[in-house]
N, C-alpha and C. Protein backbone atom coordinates (compact mmCIF):
# COMPACT_ATOMS: atom_id res chain seq x y z
N MET A 1 49.51 -0.38 87.71
CA MET A 1 49.38 -0.26 86.27
C MET A 1 50.79 -0.21 85.67
N ASP A 2 50.95 -0.85 84.57
CA ASP A 2 52.22 -0.86 83.86
C ASP A 2 52.61 0.57 83.48
N GLU A 3 53.86 0.93 83.69
CA GLU A 3 54.34 2.29 83.42
C GLU A 3 54.16 2.68 81.95
N GLN A 4 54.41 1.76 81.05
CA GLN A 4 54.26 2.04 79.61
C GLN A 4 52.81 2.39 79.29
N LEU A 5 51.87 1.63 79.85
CA LEU A 5 50.45 1.90 79.65
C LEU A 5 50.08 3.25 80.26
N HIS A 6 50.57 3.51 81.44
CA HIS A 6 50.30 4.78 82.12
C HIS A 6 50.79 5.96 81.27
N GLN A 7 52.00 5.86 80.76
CA GLN A 7 52.56 6.93 79.92
C GLN A 7 51.74 7.14 78.65
N ALA A 8 51.33 6.04 78.04
CA ALA A 8 50.52 6.14 76.82
C ALA A 8 49.19 6.83 77.12
N ARG A 9 48.58 6.48 78.25
CA ARG A 9 47.31 7.11 78.62
C ARG A 9 47.49 8.59 78.96
N GLU A 10 48.58 8.93 79.60
CA GLU A 10 48.87 10.32 79.90
C GLU A 10 49.05 11.12 78.60
N GLU A 11 49.72 10.52 77.63
CA GLU A 11 49.88 11.19 76.34
C GLU A 11 48.52 11.40 75.69
N ILE A 12 47.66 10.40 75.73
CA ILE A 12 46.31 10.52 75.18
C ILE A 12 45.55 11.63 75.90
N ASN A 13 45.66 11.68 77.22
CA ASN A 13 44.97 12.73 77.99
C ASN A 13 45.43 14.12 77.55
N GLY A 14 46.72 14.28 77.32
CA GLY A 14 47.24 15.57 76.87
C GLY A 14 46.73 15.93 75.49
N ILE A 15 46.70 14.95 74.61
CA ILE A 15 46.19 15.18 73.25
C ILE A 15 44.71 15.54 73.31
N ASP A 16 43.95 14.81 74.13
CA ASP A 16 42.52 15.11 74.27
C ASP A 16 42.31 16.53 74.78
N HIS A 17 43.13 16.94 75.73
CA HIS A 17 43.04 18.31 76.24
C HIS A 17 43.26 19.32 75.10
N ASP A 18 44.28 19.08 74.30
CA ASP A 18 44.57 19.96 73.17
C ASP A 18 43.43 19.96 72.17
N LEU A 19 42.86 18.79 71.91
CA LEU A 19 41.74 18.69 70.96
C LEU A 19 40.54 19.50 71.44
N VAL A 20 40.25 19.42 72.73
CA VAL A 20 39.11 20.17 73.27
C VAL A 20 39.33 21.66 73.06
N LYS A 21 40.53 22.14 73.36
CA LYS A 21 40.82 23.57 73.17
C LYS A 21 40.71 23.96 71.70
N LEU A 22 41.23 23.13 70.81
CA LEU A 22 41.16 23.42 69.38
C LEU A 22 39.73 23.38 68.87
N LEU A 23 38.94 22.43 69.35
CA LEU A 23 37.54 22.36 68.92
C LEU A 23 36.75 23.56 69.43
N GLU A 24 37.04 24.00 70.65
CA GLU A 24 36.39 25.21 71.14
C GLU A 24 36.72 26.40 70.25
N LYS A 25 37.96 26.51 69.86
CA LYS A 25 38.40 27.59 68.97
C LYS A 25 37.72 27.47 67.61
N ARG A 26 37.61 26.24 67.11
CA ARG A 26 36.95 26.01 65.82
C ARG A 26 35.48 26.42 65.89
N PHE A 27 34.80 26.05 66.98
CA PHE A 27 33.39 26.40 67.11
C PHE A 27 33.20 27.91 67.22
N GLU A 28 34.15 28.63 67.81
CA GLU A 28 34.07 30.09 67.83
C GLU A 28 34.12 30.64 66.40
N ALA A 29 35.03 30.10 65.59
CA ALA A 29 35.13 30.53 64.19
C ALA A 29 33.87 30.17 63.42
N VAL A 30 33.33 28.99 63.70
CA VAL A 30 32.08 28.57 63.05
C VAL A 30 30.96 29.54 63.40
N ASN A 31 30.91 29.97 64.64
CA ASN A 31 29.87 30.93 65.04
C ASN A 31 30.01 32.24 64.27
N ALA A 32 31.23 32.67 64.01
CA ALA A 32 31.43 33.88 63.21
C ALA A 32 30.92 33.69 61.79
N VAL A 33 31.17 32.52 61.22
CA VAL A 33 30.66 32.22 59.87
C VAL A 33 29.14 32.18 59.90
N TYR A 34 28.57 31.55 60.92
CA TYR A 34 27.11 31.48 61.05
C TYR A 34 26.50 32.88 61.10
N GLU A 35 27.09 33.75 61.93
CA GLU A 35 26.56 35.11 62.04
C GLU A 35 26.63 35.84 60.70
N TYR A 36 27.72 35.67 59.97
CA TYR A 36 27.85 36.28 58.64
C TYR A 36 26.74 35.77 57.72
N LYS A 37 26.57 34.45 57.72
CA LYS A 37 25.56 33.85 56.83
C LYS A 37 24.15 34.28 57.23
N ARG A 38 23.91 34.42 58.52
CA ARG A 38 22.60 34.86 58.99
C ARG A 38 22.34 36.29 58.52
N ARG A 39 23.32 37.16 58.67
CA ARG A 39 23.15 38.56 58.26
C ARG A 39 22.96 38.68 56.75
N HIS A 40 23.61 37.80 56.00
CA HIS A 40 23.53 37.87 54.54
C HIS A 40 22.53 36.87 53.95
N GLN A 41 21.74 36.28 54.83
CA GLN A 41 20.70 35.32 54.43
C GLN A 41 21.24 34.27 53.47
N THR A 42 22.34 33.66 53.88
CA THR A 42 23.00 32.61 53.11
C THR A 42 22.73 31.27 53.79
N PRO A 43 22.49 30.21 53.02
CA PRO A 43 22.28 28.91 53.65
C PRO A 43 23.46 28.50 54.53
N VAL A 44 23.15 27.87 55.65
CA VAL A 44 24.20 27.45 56.58
C VAL A 44 25.05 26.35 55.95
N LEU A 45 24.41 25.37 55.35
CA LEU A 45 25.15 24.25 54.77
C LEU A 45 25.67 24.61 53.39
N ASP A 46 26.97 24.50 53.24
CA ASP A 46 27.64 24.71 51.96
C ASP A 46 28.39 23.40 51.66
N GLN A 47 27.74 22.56 50.86
CA GLN A 47 28.31 21.23 50.63
C GLN A 47 29.65 21.29 49.90
N SER A 48 29.86 22.28 49.06
CA SER A 48 31.16 22.37 48.39
C SER A 48 32.25 22.71 49.39
N ARG A 49 31.95 23.57 50.35
CA ARG A 49 32.91 23.90 51.41
C ARG A 49 33.18 22.68 52.28
N GLN A 50 32.12 21.93 52.59
CA GLN A 50 32.30 20.72 53.40
C GLN A 50 33.22 19.74 52.67
N GLN A 51 33.03 19.59 51.38
CA GLN A 51 33.88 18.68 50.61
C GLN A 51 35.32 19.19 50.57
N GLN A 52 35.49 20.50 50.48
CA GLN A 52 36.84 21.08 50.51
C GLN A 52 37.55 20.72 51.83
N VAL A 53 36.83 20.83 52.92
CA VAL A 53 37.40 20.50 54.23
C VAL A 53 37.80 19.03 54.27
N LEU A 54 36.92 18.15 53.80
CA LEU A 54 37.21 16.71 53.81
C LEU A 54 38.39 16.38 52.90
N ASP A 55 38.45 17.03 51.74
CA ASP A 55 39.59 16.81 50.84
C ASP A 55 40.89 17.28 51.48
N GLN A 56 40.82 18.41 52.16
CA GLN A 56 42.01 18.94 52.84
C GLN A 56 42.47 17.98 53.93
N VAL A 57 41.53 17.45 54.69
CA VAL A 57 41.88 16.46 55.72
C VAL A 57 42.57 15.27 55.07
N GLY A 58 42.02 14.79 53.97
CA GLY A 58 42.61 13.65 53.27
C GLY A 58 44.03 13.92 52.81
N ARG A 59 44.30 15.14 52.39
CA ARG A 59 45.66 15.49 51.94
C ARG A 59 46.63 15.64 53.11
N GLN A 60 46.14 16.02 54.26
CA GLN A 60 47.00 16.27 55.41
C GLN A 60 47.38 15.01 56.17
N VAL A 61 46.61 13.97 56.02
CA VAL A 61 46.85 12.73 56.77
C VAL A 61 48.10 12.04 56.21
N THR A 62 48.98 11.62 57.11
CA THR A 62 50.21 10.97 56.66
C THR A 62 50.04 9.46 56.49
N ASP A 63 49.08 8.87 57.18
CA ASP A 63 48.83 7.44 57.07
C ASP A 63 47.51 7.26 56.30
N SER A 64 47.60 6.82 55.06
CA SER A 64 46.41 6.75 54.20
C SER A 64 45.30 5.87 54.78
N LYS A 65 45.66 4.92 55.63
CA LYS A 65 44.62 4.08 56.25
C LYS A 65 43.73 4.89 57.20
N SER A 66 44.23 6.03 57.66
CA SER A 66 43.48 6.86 58.60
C SER A 66 42.53 7.84 57.91
N VAL A 67 42.65 7.98 56.60
CA VAL A 67 41.84 8.99 55.89
C VAL A 67 40.34 8.81 56.14
N PRO A 68 39.76 7.63 55.91
CA PRO A 68 38.30 7.51 56.12
C PRO A 68 37.91 7.79 57.57
N TYR A 69 38.72 7.36 58.50
CA TYR A 69 38.45 7.56 59.92
C TYR A 69 38.43 9.05 60.26
N LEU A 70 39.44 9.77 59.83
CA LEU A 70 39.53 11.19 60.14
C LEU A 70 38.49 12.00 59.37
N GLN A 71 38.20 11.59 58.15
CA GLN A 71 37.14 12.29 57.41
C GLN A 71 35.78 12.08 58.07
N ALA A 72 35.55 10.90 58.62
CA ALA A 72 34.29 10.65 59.33
C ALA A 72 34.20 11.53 60.58
N ILE A 73 35.31 11.70 61.28
CA ILE A 73 35.33 12.56 62.45
C ILE A 73 35.02 14.00 62.05
N PHE A 74 35.65 14.47 60.98
CA PHE A 74 35.40 15.85 60.53
C PHE A 74 33.98 16.02 60.01
N THR A 75 33.43 14.99 59.39
CA THR A 75 32.03 15.06 58.96
C THR A 75 31.13 15.27 60.17
N GLU A 76 31.41 14.55 61.24
CA GLU A 76 30.60 14.70 62.46
C GLU A 76 30.83 16.07 63.11
N ILE A 77 32.06 16.54 63.12
CA ILE A 77 32.33 17.87 63.67
C ILE A 77 31.53 18.92 62.90
N MET A 78 31.55 18.83 61.58
CA MET A 78 30.81 19.81 60.77
C MET A 78 29.31 19.65 60.99
N HIS A 79 28.84 18.43 61.13
CA HIS A 79 27.42 18.20 61.39
C HIS A 79 27.02 18.86 62.72
N GLN A 80 27.82 18.65 63.76
CA GLN A 80 27.52 19.22 65.06
C GLN A 80 27.59 20.76 65.03
N SER A 81 28.40 21.28 64.15
CA SER A 81 28.52 22.73 64.04
C SER A 81 27.26 23.38 63.49
N ARG A 82 26.45 22.59 62.79
CA ARG A 82 25.21 23.14 62.20
C ARG A 82 24.03 23.03 63.14
N LEU A 83 24.18 22.37 64.26
CA LEU A 83 23.04 22.18 65.17
C LEU A 83 22.75 23.41 66.01
């Protein structure tokens, strides 16, 4: 395998590892929010909060072409968090 390709894949593997750890941490925080909402009988889905998250993602992205892609990923992450 070409060394350049190998290095790029190794970098991706490291990033994926970091993403998994961060997503695990995010889901722990989501569970805390869920427990709060359950105790206070609050609906799980808060569409205004979801939009805030998507807007924040849009502002944080440095390459504007990536905004729809990353917002779609976060939409799916939030969807999976409600299951």
